[in-house]
Amino acid sequence: MQEMIQWWHSSGGIRYGILRRNEGNAGDSWQTPEEKAVWLWLNREGKGLLWGKDERFPLHPGMFAICGGLKQGAWRYIRQAGASRMEVIMISQSWLLGRLGTKPEALHPAFLHWLQGDTNLALCGLMSEREKKLAEALEQARQGGGVDLMMAEVRLLEWATLRMFQTQQTGGSGFCHHYKNANPVEKALLYLQTYHDEALDLTALARHVAVAPHLLSRRVRQETGKTLQLHLRRFRISRACEELSHGNASVTEAALAVGYNSFSHFTQAFRAEMGCSPSQWRKKSAR
């Protein structure tokens, strides 16, 4: 089998790669080959599953994940059939230790526990602007090199400072450390984003996050200012925008792909989120 990840640059304990497959490829899998390394996954297209000893979580478009193993092959990525596009960065333990100095307490607790050999590293969430900018910088560097590569390294250092060395969660990005320990609102929103093409089943969702349905609805609204239904609409329309901007899907196909069976309902929801119709959005994005 062709190696799933195509490595295109290596420097000072950092390796940059891309996972890219076309629609015609069947699903395949890959295991972490190095011990004591951190793997950053920035998923831009396609679906897959990260599978560790005790943790496993889906990777859908717009999600990022960070994993680290205590031994070779500790993590396995199983890619679903279909087109895939994901930026991958391997960060060695030596790179991490070289930037800790004598103050390991500055490291995020999840990274610190992994570094001390206590547990595998498992973090996941929705990509924030910092992950999106890093992914874009990597794509430019892969094509241009030179100054673009330097900018990608700057973006990586910026990302590491904000993600790996923070001791408290700053919020706003859907970041969860050890998904099983995330609060119910984070879990619920991540679940909705992952399964945005399915209808909202409040009872099933509440059972998934172990909170009573009425309490979950109230907490989501209190903590985010939006209802679960509005969050689901946002996730669906965001994904539809990607389909219309970068794919060959028609408006009807985009609507069906994100869970709308009614074209009129899709158009109404799209206008509410984006301020224009799906067709108008496609024309704007094509300019």
Protein backbone atom coordinates (compact mmCIF):
# COMPACT_ATOMS: atom_id res chain seq x y z
CA MET A 1 0.00 0.00 0.00
CA GLN A 2 1.23 3.51 -0.81
CA GLU A 3 2.23 5.40 2.32
CA MET A 4 -0.78 7.36 3.47
CA ILE A 5 1.15 10.48 4.51
CA GLN A 6 3.43 12.21 2.00
CA TRP A 7 6.21 13.95 3.93
CA TRP A 8 7.47 17.07 2.18
CA HIS A 9 9.79 18.79 4.69
CA SER A 10 11.77 17.94 7.82
CA SER A 11 13.75 20.33 10.03
CA GLY A 12 14.94 20.37 13.64
CA GLY A 13 12.66 17.66 14.99
CA ILE A 14 9.58 18.73 12.96
CA ARG A 15 8.18 16.85 9.98
CA TYR A 16 5.50 18.25 7.69
CA GLY A 17 3.25 16.01 5.66
CA ILE A 18 -0.02 15.85 3.82
CA LEU A 19 -2.63 13.12 3.64
CA ARG A 20 -4.33 13.43 0.28
CA ARG A 21 -6.50 10.93 -1.54
CA ASN A 22 -9.00 11.10 -4.39
CA GLU A 23 -12.59 9.89 -4.43
CA GLY A 24 -11.63 6.66 -6.11
CA ASN A 25 -9.38 5.44 -3.31
CA ALA A 26 -10.71 2.87 -0.88
CA GLY A 27 -10.31 3.52 2.81
CA ASP A 28 -6.97 2.59 4.34
CA SER A 29 -5.16 2.85 7.66
CA TRP A 30 -1.84 4.00 9.10
CA GLN A 31 -0.01 3.67 12.43
CA THR A 32 2.33 6.08 14.18
CA PRO A 33 5.87 4.85 13.40
CA GLU A 34 7.82 6.89 15.97
CA GLU A 35 7.83 6.69 19.74
CA LYS A 36 7.43 9.79 21.90
CA ALA A 37 6.19 12.13 19.19
CA VAL A 38 3.22 14.47 19.03
CA TRP A 39 1.04 14.29 15.93
CA LEU A 40 -1.10 17.25 14.85
CA TRP A 41 -3.89 16.53 12.37
CA LEU A 42 -5.65 19.41 10.59
CA ASN A 43 -8.55 17.88 8.70
CA ARG A 44 -9.73 19.92 5.72
CA GLU A 45 -11.62 17.28 3.76
CA GLY A 46 -12.76 13.70 4.29
CA LYS A 47 -13.57 11.55 7.29
CA GLY A 48 -11.58 9.18 9.43
CA LEU A 49 -11.08 7.78 12.91
CA LEU A 50 -8.15 8.14 15.30
CA TRP A 51 -7.84 4.98 17.34
CA GLY A 52 -5.69 4.68 20.49
CA LYS A 53 -5.57 2.22 23.34
CA ASP A 54 -8.23 3.94 25.45
CA GLU A 55 -9.39 6.83 23.29
CA ARG A 56 -10.92 7.01 19.87
CA PHE A 57 -12.67 9.86 18.13
CA PRO A 58 -13.87 10.74 14.62
CA LEU A 59 -12.15 13.35 12.48
CA HIS A 60 -14.54 15.22 10.22
CA PRO A 61 -13.84 18.26 8.03
CA GLY A 62 -13.07 21.31 10.12
CA MET A 63 -11.71 19.33 13.08
CA PHE A 64 -8.19 19.05 14.46
CA ALA A 65 -6.66 16.39 16.68
CA ILE A 66 -3.46 16.00 18.64
CA CYS A 67 -2.24 12.56 19.65
CA GLY A 68 0.91 11.13 21.15
CA GLY A 69 1.91 7.61 22.04
CA LEU A 70 4.31 6.09 24.52
CA LYS A 71 5.45 3.54 21.99
CA GLN A 72 5.53 2.86 18.28
CA GLY A 73 2.13 2.16 16.76
CA ALA A 74 0.24 3.56 19.76
CA TRP A 75 -2.15 5.40 17.43
CA ARG A 76 -3.86 4.26 14.29
CA TYR A 77 -5.64 6.46 11.76
CA ILE A 78 -8.38 4.77 9.76
CA ARG A 79 -9.40 6.77 6.72
CA GLN A 80 -12.87 6.35 5.30
CA ALA A 81 -13.32 5.93 1.55
CA GLY A 82 -13.63 9.16 -0.42
CA ALA A 83 -11.59 12.28 -1.00
CA SER A 84 -9.28 13.29 1.85
CA ARG A 85 -7.07 16.31 2.48
CA MET A 86 -5.34 16.79 5.80
CA GLU A 87 -2.19 18.57 6.93
CA VAL A 88 -0.07 16.49 9.34
CA ILE A 89 2.78 17.67 11.57
CA MET A 90 5.00 15.37 13.64
CA ILE A 91 6.67 17.12 16.60
CA SER A 92 9.48 15.17 18.24
CA GLN A 93 10.00 14.91 21.97
CA SER A 94 13.42 16.54 21.58
CA TRP A 95 11.85 19.63 19.96
CA LEU A 96 9.37 19.88 22.81
CA LEU A 97 11.94 19.40 25.55
CA GLY A 98 14.25 21.93 23.92
CA ARG A 99 11.60 24.61 24.33
CA LEU A 100 10.57 23.76 27.87
CA GLY A 101 13.76 24.93 29.51
CA THR A 102 13.62 24.22 33.23
CA LYS A 103 9.91 24.97 33.60
CA PRO A 104 7.85 21.98 32.43
CA GLU A 105 4.95 23.32 34.49
CA ALA A 106 4.41 25.80 31.66
CA LEU A 107 3.21 22.92 29.51
CA HIS A 108 -0.49 22.14 29.15
CA PRO A 109 -1.34 19.37 31.69
CA ALA A 110 -2.31 16.91 28.96
CA PHE A 111 1.09 17.31 27.27
CA LEU A 112 2.93 17.20 30.58
CA HIS A 113 1.30 13.89 31.61
CA TRP A 114 2.20 12.41 28.23
CA LEU A 115 5.77 13.67 28.46
CA GLN A 116 6.15 12.12 31.91
CA GLY A 117 4.99 8.76 30.55
CA ASP A 118 1.70 8.71 32.46
CA THR A 119 -0.70 8.34 29.54
CA ASN A 120 -1.24 8.61 25.81
CA LEU A 121 -1.95 12.09 24.51
CA ALA A 122 -5.44 12.61 23.10
CA LEU A 123 -6.86 16.05 22.29
CA CYS A 124 -9.46 17.05 19.74
CA GLY A 125 -11.78 19.88 18.77
CA LEU A 126 -13.07 22.20 16.09
CA MET A 127 -10.39 24.13 14.22
CA SER A 128 -10.13 27.73 15.40
CA GLU A 129 -8.62 30.53 13.34
CA ARG A 130 -5.14 29.56 14.55
CA GLU A 131 -5.47 26.01 13.19
CA LYS A 132 -6.99 27.27 9.94
CA LYS A 133 -4.19 29.80 9.44
CA LEU A 134 -1.59 27.14 10.17
CA ALA A 135 -3.17 24.78 7.62
CA GLU A 136 -3.23 27.53 4.99
CA ALA A 137 0.41 28.44 5.73
CA LEU A 138 1.44 24.79 5.33
CA GLU A 139 -0.30 24.56 1.98
CA GLN A 140 1.48 27.69 0.72
CA ALA A 141 4.84 26.46 2.04
CA ARG A 142 4.41 23.11 0.33
CA GLN A 143 3.91 24.86 -2.99
CA GLY A 144 6.37 27.73 -2.61
CA GLY A 145 9.01 26.97 0.03
CA GLY A 146 11.45 29.75 0.93
CA VAL A 147 9.71 32.64 2.68
CA ASP A 148 6.45 30.68 2.74
CA LEU A 149 8.19 27.89 4.67
CA MET A 150 9.49 30.39 7.20
CA MET A 151 5.96 31.75 7.63
CA ALA A 152 4.65 28.21 8.22
CA GLU A 153 7.26 27.71 10.94
CA VAL A 154 6.19 31.00 12.54
CA ARG A 155 2.58 29.83 12.47
CA LEU A 156 3.57 26.53 14.05
CA LEU A 157 5.42 28.28 16.88
CA GLU A 158 2.44 30.55 17.42
CA TRP A 159 0.13 27.54 17.52
CA ALA A 160 2.39 25.66 19.94
CA THR A 161 2.58 28.64 22.27
CA LEU A 162 -1.19 28.94 22.44
CA ARG A 163 -2.06 25.24 22.47
CA MET A 164 0.78 23.27 24.01
CA PHE A 165 2.03 25.69 26.61
CA GLN A 166 -1.18 27.09 28.00
CA THR A 167 -2.15 25.77 31.42
CA GLN A 168 -5.79 26.75 31.22
CA GLN A 169 -8.29 26.37 28.46
CA THR A 170 -9.10 29.69 26.82
CA GLY A 171 -12.28 28.57 25.09
CA GLY A 172 -13.81 29.67 21.82
CA SER A 173 -12.52 26.83 19.67
CA GLY A 174 -14.31 23.71 20.80
CA PHE A 175 -11.01 22.46 22.22
CA CYS A 176 -11.40 19.43 24.46
CA HIS A 177 -8.73 17.62 26.39
CA HIS A 178 -9.61 14.00 26.84
CA TYR A 179 -13.05 14.20 25.28
CA LYS A 180 -14.51 12.03 28.02
CA ASN A 181 -13.68 14.77 30.55
CA ALA A 182 -15.02 17.70 28.51
CA ASN A 183 -18.07 19.51 29.87
CA PRO A 184 -21.49 18.50 28.47
CA VAL A 185 -21.86 21.62 26.34
CA GLU A 186 -18.51 21.01 24.59
CA LYS A 187 -19.40 17.38 24.05
CA ALA A 188 -22.82 18.24 22.67
CA LEU A 189 -21.48 20.82 20.21
CA LEU A 190 -18.68 18.54 19.03
CA TYR A 191 -21.22 15.76 18.52
CA LEU A 192 -23.48 18.08 16.50
CA GLN A 193 -20.56 19.26 14.38
CA THR A 194 -19.46 15.68 13.73
CA TYR A 195 -22.93 14.41 12.86
CA HIS A 196 -24.32 17.59 11.32
CA ASP A 197 -26.01 15.66 8.53
CA GLU A 198 -28.33 13.93 11.00
CA ALA A 199 -31.53 15.35 12.51
CA LEU A 200 -31.30 16.74 16.03
CA ASP A 201 -32.46 14.10 18.51
CA LEU A 202 -32.35 15.87 21.87
CA THR A 203 -33.03 12.71 23.87
CA ALA A 204 -30.21 10.77 22.20
CA LEU A 205 -27.83 13.73 22.43
CA ALA A 206 -28.58 14.22 26.12
CA ARG A 207 -27.98 10.53 26.74
CA HIS A 208 -24.65 10.79 24.89
CA VAL A 209 -23.40 13.59 27.17
CA ALA A 210 -25.08 12.17 30.31
CA VAL A 211 -27.29 15.21 31.02
CA ALA A 212 -31.09 15.49 31.16
CA PRO A 213 -32.54 16.88 27.88
CA HIS A 214 -34.11 20.01 29.40
CA LEU A 215 -30.93 20.76 31.38
CA LEU A 216 -28.71 20.32 28.32
CA SER A 217 -30.85 22.72 26.27
CA ARG A 218 -30.75 25.31 29.01
CA ARG A 219 -27.00 25.02 29.59
CA VAL A 220 -26.18 25.33 25.88
CA ARG A 221 -28.26 28.47 25.60
CA GLN A 222 -26.87 29.99 28.79
CA GLU A 223 -23.22 29.27 27.94
CA THR A 224 -23.26 30.02 24.20
CA GLY A 225 -26.22 32.35 23.67
CA LYS A 226 -27.63 30.01 21.00
CA THR A 227 -29.94 27.03 20.94
CA LEU A 228 -28.82 23.57 19.88
CA GLN A 229 -30.86 23.92 16.70
CA LEU A 230 -29.08 27.15 15.78
CA HIS A 231 -25.70 25.54 16.40
CA LEU A 232 -26.67 22.63 14.17
CA ARG A 233 -27.78 25.06 11.47
CA ARG A 234 -24.44 26.87 11.68
CA PHE A 235 -22.47 23.62 11.36
CA ARG A 236 -24.57 22.51 8.40
CA ILE A 237 -24.34 25.78 6.50
CA SER A 238 -20.62 26.08 7.19
CA ARG A 239 -20.09 22.66 5.65
CA ALA A 240 -22.41 23.54 2.74
CA CYS A 241 -20.29 26.62 2.04
CA GLU A 242 -17.24 24.39 1.71
CA GLU A 243 -19.09 22.09 -0.66
CA LEU A 244 -20.22 25.01 -2.83
CA SER A 245 -16.86 26.81 -2.76
CA HIS A 246 -14.42 23.95 -3.34
CA GLY A 247 -16.43 21.01 -4.64
CA ASN A 248 -18.42 20.16 -7.74
CA ALA A 249 -21.67 19.60 -5.87
CA SER A 250 -24.82 21.34 -7.06
CA VAL A 251 -26.88 23.37 -4.60
CA THR A 252 -29.30 20.48 -4.24
CA GLU A 253 -26.47 18.00 -3.64
CA ALA A 254 -24.93 20.31 -1.04
CA ALA A 255 -28.28 20.57 0.74
CA LEU A 256 -28.68 16.80 0.88
CA ALA A 257 -25.07 16.29 1.97
CA VAL A 258 -25.55 18.41 5.09
CA GLY A 259 -28.90 16.95 6.10
CA TYR A 260 -31.57 19.09 4.40
CA ASN A 261 -34.26 17.17 2.54
CA SER A 262 -36.14 20.34 1.61
CA PHE A 263 -34.52 22.75 -0.82
CA SER A 264 -36.63 25.65 0.44
CA HIS A 265 -35.64 24.96 4.07
CA PHE A 266 -31.99 24.81 3.04
CA THR A 267 -32.19 28.12 1.18
CA GLN A 268 -33.96 29.76 4.11
CA ALA A 269 -31.33 28.49 6.57
CA PHE A 270 -28.50 29.52 4.23
CA ARG A 271 -29.85 33.07 3.94
CA ALA A 272 -30.22 33.31 7.72
CA GLU A 273 -26.58 32.34 8.25
CA MET A 274 -24.83 33.89 5.26
CA GLY A 275 -27.13 36.75 4.17
CA CYS A 276 -27.44 35.46 0.61
CA SER A 277 -28.72 32.48 -1.31
CA PRO A 278 -26.58 29.37 -1.96
CA SER A 279 -26.33 30.27 -5.66
CA GLN A 280 -25.17 33.79 -4.84
CA TRP A 281 -22.59 32.38 -2.43
CA ARG A 282 -21.22 30.08 -5.12
CA LYS A 283 -20.83 32.99 -7.53
CA LYS A 284 -19.04 35.11 -4.92
CA SER A 285 -16.66 32.33 -3.93
CA ALA A 286 -15.80 31.65 -7.59
CA ARG A 287 -14.46 35.17 -8.14
